[in-house]
Protein backbone atom coordinates (compact mmCIF):
# COMPACT_ATOMS: atom_id res chain seq x y z
CA MET A 1 -38.29 -11.16 16.21
CA SER A 2 -40.18 -7.86 16.34
CA SER A 3 -38.47 -6.57 13.19
CA TYR A 4 -39.60 -9.68 11.31
CA ASN A 5 -43.18 -9.10 12.48
CA VAL A 6 -43.06 -5.56 11.16
CA GLN A 7 -41.61 -6.70 7.84
CA ALA A 8 -44.25 -9.45 7.58
CA LYS A 9 -47.08 -6.93 7.79
CA GLN A 10 -45.44 -4.79 5.11
CA ILE A 11 -44.99 -7.78 2.78
CA GLU A 12 -48.60 -8.84 3.25
CA SER A 13 -49.87 -5.34 2.50
CA GLU A 14 -47.72 -5.00 -0.62
CA VAL A 15 -48.69 -8.37 -2.13
CA LEU A 16 -52.39 -7.76 -1.52
CA ARG A 17 -51.91 -4.46 -3.35
CA TYR A 18 -50.63 -6.40 -6.39
CA HIS A 19 -53.58 -8.74 -6.06
CA ASN A 20 -56.05 -5.89 -6.38
CA GLN A 21 -54.28 -4.11 -9.22
CA VAL A 22 -55.43 -3.95 -12.83
CA GLY A 23 -53.37 -3.15 -15.90
CA TRP A 24 -51.43 -6.39 -16.21
CA THR A 25 -50.03 -7.25 -19.66
CA ALA A 26 -50.72 -10.79 -20.84
CA MET A 27 -47.91 -13.07 -21.98
CA ARG A 28 -48.36 -16.37 -23.78
CA SER A 29 -49.70 -19.23 -21.67
CA ILE A 30 -47.23 -22.02 -20.94
CA ARG A 31 -48.58 -25.56 -20.47
CA GLY A 32 -51.95 -24.36 -19.19
CA VAL A 33 -50.57 -21.61 -16.92
CA SER A 34 -51.66 -18.06 -17.74
CA ILE A 35 -48.94 -15.44 -17.25
CA TRP A 36 -49.08 -11.65 -16.94
CA TYR A 37 -46.45 -9.07 -16.15
CA LYS A 38 -45.83 -5.42 -15.30
CA LYS A 39 -42.87 -3.32 -14.26
CA SER A 40 -41.76 -4.10 -10.74
CA PRO A 41 -42.24 -1.24 -8.28
CA HIS A 42 -39.11 -2.34 -6.40
CA PHE A 43 -36.29 -2.77 -8.93
CA ALA A 44 -35.51 -2.38 -12.63
CA GLY A 45 -37.14 -5.65 -13.58
CA THR A 46 -40.46 -7.43 -13.93
CA LEU A 47 -43.26 -8.41 -11.57
CA TYR A 48 -44.95 -11.60 -12.82
CA LYS A 49 -48.37 -13.06 -12.17
CA PHE A 50 -49.08 -16.76 -12.81
CA GLU A 51 -52.50 -18.37 -12.55
CA CYS A 52 -54.11 -21.76 -13.14
CA ASP A 53 -56.85 -24.03 -11.79
CA ILE A 54 -55.96 -27.31 -10.10
CA ASP A 55 -58.47 -30.13 -9.72
CA MET A 56 -57.49 -30.79 -6.12
CA PRO A 57 -58.76 -29.57 -2.74
CA ASP A 58 -57.05 -26.38 -1.62
CA HIS A 59 -55.65 -27.82 1.61
CA ILE A 60 -53.68 -30.48 -0.30
CA VAL A 61 -52.12 -27.90 -2.62
CA TYR A 62 -51.39 -25.41 0.16
CA ASN A 63 -49.76 -27.97 2.44
CA ILE A 64 -47.48 -29.00 -0.42
CA MET A 65 -46.44 -25.42 -1.08
CA LYS A 66 -45.76 -24.39 2.53
CA PRO A 67 -42.01 -24.53 3.15
CA PRO A 68 -41.54 -27.64 5.33
CA ALA A 69 -39.33 -28.33 8.32
CA THR A 70 -36.90 -30.62 6.51
CA THR A 71 -34.94 -30.50 3.27
CA GLU A 72 -36.11 -33.96 2.21
CA GLU A 73 -39.79 -33.02 2.39
CA ARG A 74 -39.28 -30.34 -0.25
CA LEU A 75 -36.74 -31.99 -2.55
CA THR A 76 -38.72 -35.23 -2.88
CA TRP A 77 -41.15 -33.44 -5.18
CA ASP A 78 -39.88 -29.97 -6.16
CA LYS A 79 -37.67 -30.40 -9.22
CA SER A 80 -37.51 -26.65 -9.86
CA ILE A 81 -34.85 -26.08 -7.17
CA LYS A 82 -31.47 -27.55 -6.28
CA HIS A 83 -31.62 -27.19 -2.49
CA TYR A 84 -33.97 -26.08 0.29
CA GLN A 85 -33.42 -25.60 4.01
CA CYS A 86 -35.48 -24.29 6.90
CA LEU A 87 -33.05 -21.99 8.70
CA GLU A 88 -35.32 -20.97 11.57
CA LYS A 89 -38.96 -21.35 12.58
CA LEU A 90 -39.93 -18.11 14.27
CA SER A 91 -43.59 -18.97 14.95
CA ASP A 92 -46.49 -20.86 13.39
CA GLU A 93 -46.85 -17.99 10.89
CA LEU A 94 -43.21 -17.01 10.30
CA MET A 95 -40.03 -18.81 9.23
CA ILE A 96 -36.69 -18.14 7.55
CA GLY A 97 -35.79 -20.40 4.64
CA LEU A 98 -33.01 -20.93 2.11
CA ILE A 99 -33.46 -21.89 -1.54
CA ILE A 100 -30.72 -22.60 -4.08
CA THR A 101 -31.84 -22.73 -7.70
CA HIS A 102 -30.57 -24.76 -10.62
CA SER A 103 -28.59 -23.02 -13.32
CA ALA A 104 -30.79 -21.81 -16.19
CA ALA A 105 -30.70 -20.74 -19.84
CA ALA A 106 -28.44 -23.65 -20.80
CA GLY A 107 -25.99 -22.71 -18.07
CA LEU A 108 -25.73 -19.03 -18.99
CA ILE A 109 -27.42 -18.18 -15.67
CA SER A 110 -25.59 -19.87 -12.80
CA ALA A 111 -27.32 -21.18 -9.66
CA ARG A 112 -28.60 -18.53 -7.24
CA GLU A 113 -29.40 -18.60 -3.55
CA PHE A 114 -32.19 -16.79 -1.73
CA VAL A 115 -32.68 -16.32 2.02
CA ASP A 116 -36.28 -15.34 2.67
CA LEU A 117 -38.80 -14.58 5.39
CA TYR A 118 -42.00 -16.61 4.84
CA ILE A 119 -45.41 -15.65 6.19
CA PHE A 120 -48.44 -17.98 6.25
CA LYS A 121 -51.97 -16.51 6.32
CA GLU A 122 -55.50 -17.78 5.70
CA TYR A 123 -58.57 -15.63 5.04
CA MET A 124 -62.21 -16.72 5.11
CA SER A 125 -65.06 -15.03 3.24
CA SER A 126 -68.69 -15.16 4.32
CA SER A 127 -69.92 -13.28 1.24
CA LEU A 128 -71.99 -15.56 -0.96
CA THR A 129 -71.12 -13.42 -3.98
CA ASP A 130 -67.43 -14.33 -3.76
CA ASP A 131 -66.17 -17.12 -6.01
CA PHE A 132 -63.86 -18.28 -3.20
CA ASP A 133 -64.74 -18.89 0.45
CA LYS A 134 -61.17 -19.38 1.61
CA VAL A 135 -57.80 -18.06 0.41
CA SER A 136 -54.52 -19.32 1.88
CA TRP A 137 -51.37 -17.27 1.26
CA ILE A 138 -47.63 -17.75 1.45
CA TYR A 139 -45.90 -14.37 1.41
CA SER A 140 -42.12 -13.96 1.21
CA GLU A 141 -39.31 -11.46 0.89
CA SER A 142 -35.53 -11.71 1.16
CA VAL A 143 -33.91 -10.78 4.48
CA ASP A 144 -30.41 -10.34 5.88
CA TYR A 145 -29.81 -13.36 8.11
CA PRO A 146 -26.53 -13.29 10.03
CA SER A 147 -26.25 -17.07 10.25
CA ARG A 148 -26.32 -17.35 6.44
CA PRO A 149 -24.20 -14.53 4.99
CA PRO A 150 -23.47 -14.36 1.24
CA THR A 151 -20.59 -16.58 0.07
CA ASN A 152 -18.55 -17.00 -3.09
CA ALA A 153 -20.26 -20.32 -3.79
CA TYR A 154 -23.47 -18.76 -5.15
CA VAL A 155 -24.72 -15.42 -6.38
CA ARG A 156 -27.13 -14.04 -3.78
CA GLY A 157 -30.44 -13.15 -5.40
CA ARG A 158 -33.16 -11.01 -3.86
CA ASN A 159 -36.88 -11.63 -3.66
CA TYR A 160 -38.92 -8.48 -3.27
CA PRO A 161 -42.45 -9.02 -1.88
CA ASN A 162 -43.78 -12.26 -3.38
CA GLY A 163 -47.07 -14.05 -2.78
CA TYR A 164 -48.57 -17.45 -3.57
CA ALA A 165 -52.32 -17.85 -3.06
CA VAL A 166 -54.43 -21.02 -3.04
CA SER A 167 -58.13 -20.12 -3.35
CA ARG A 168 -60.93 -22.63 -2.65
CA TYR A 169 -63.89 -22.45 -5.01
CA ARG A 170 -67.08 -21.96 -3.04
CA LYS A 171 -69.18 -24.10 -5.41
CA ASN A 172 -66.56 -26.81 -5.90
CA PRO A 173 -64.28 -27.37 -2.89
CA ASP A 174 -62.46 -30.16 -4.75
CA LYS A 175 -61.00 -27.51 -7.07
CA CYS A 176 -58.76 -24.53 -6.33
CA LYS A 177 -57.12 -21.61 -8.10
CA LEU A 178 -53.40 -21.06 -7.78
CA THR A 179 -52.14 -17.46 -8.13
CA LEU A 180 -48.45 -16.60 -7.87
CA TYR A 181 -46.80 -13.18 -7.77
CA LEU A 182 -43.07 -13.38 -8.48
CA ASN A 183 -40.90 -10.32 -7.95
CA LEU A 184 -37.25 -11.38 -7.98
CA ASP A 185 -33.89 -9.89 -8.86
CA ILE A 186 -31.50 -12.76 -9.57
CA GLY A 187 -28.46 -10.50 -9.21
CA GLY A 188 -25.25 -10.60 -11.20
CA MET A 189 -24.50 -9.08 -14.59
CA ILE A 190 -27.08 -11.01 -16.60
CA PRO A 191 -28.68 -9.51 -19.73
CA ARG A 192 -32.31 -8.75 -19.04
CA TYR A 193 -33.54 -10.75 -22.04
CA LEU A 194 -32.00 -13.94 -20.61
CA VAL A 195 -33.78 -13.43 -17.30
CA GLU A 196 -37.11 -12.72 -19.00
CA SER A 197 -36.79 -15.84 -21.14
CA ALA A 198 -35.85 -18.14 -18.25
CA VAL A 199 -37.99 -17.08 -15.27
CA PRO A 200 -41.50 -17.88 -16.59
CA GLY A 201 -40.55 -21.39 -17.65
CA GLU A 202 -38.84 -22.11 -14.32
CA GLN A 203 -41.96 -21.04 -12.43
CA VAL A 204 -44.22 -23.18 -14.62
CA THR A 205 -41.96 -26.16 -13.83
CA TYR A 206 -42.56 -25.44 -10.13
CA ILE A 207 -46.34 -25.37 -10.68
CA GLU A 208 -46.21 -28.66 -12.58
CA SER A 209 -44.27 -30.22 -9.70
CA ILE A 210 -47.04 -29.11 -7.32
CA LYS A 211 -49.69 -30.72 -9.54
CA ASP A 212 -47.75 -33.97 -9.78
CA ARG A 213 -47.22 -34.10 -6.02
CA ALA A 214 -50.91 -33.44 -5.35
CA ALA A 215 -51.94 -36.20 -7.75
CA ASN A 216 -49.59 -38.66 -6.02
CA ILE A 217 -50.94 -37.77 -2.58
CA ARG A 218 -54.54 -38.24 -3.65
CA SER A 219 -54.03 -41.47 -5.61
């Protein structure tokens, strides 16, 4: 447990460092989601940043995004993945989860599995000059988990420090900003151009699933 606490603090620090960085290169927007990228500091690939506004209260969006206790709770709305499982709840702020992706790029990229440590944090701001008075984060990074070793069934991918933030607008609490930092190595001998063409679209599909779920909850 203590090693996970140490890793959690390191993940949090690293993602907040991304969040405060400048020098991102803009990509094209996809279906209303703005995308930027830069070279990953952790592997020979890309660190992505996704951002969009959602006309929903932040707590609805954040509660959708938090990895739930059961598989059904996630798969009922998230069409961007093939399977999800909570492997272990370590505390109210920490859990270990499994995600298996769909194949991508018309089947050229086979399904991957990721075993990650998730960290849940909320920060409040009392500064009236801030656009946001509350920011809720989900941080994650892949871990070695003895109860779920790699198998021949799926290629084991690796998430380096990732972060998903839901920020509540101070002047309009019925609206929030979603910011995602994606820093993943899907593993295997896949040409880089295939990965770069597939990953942004897959993440936008995830964001659209969040929006659809939020709209259904509120209606």
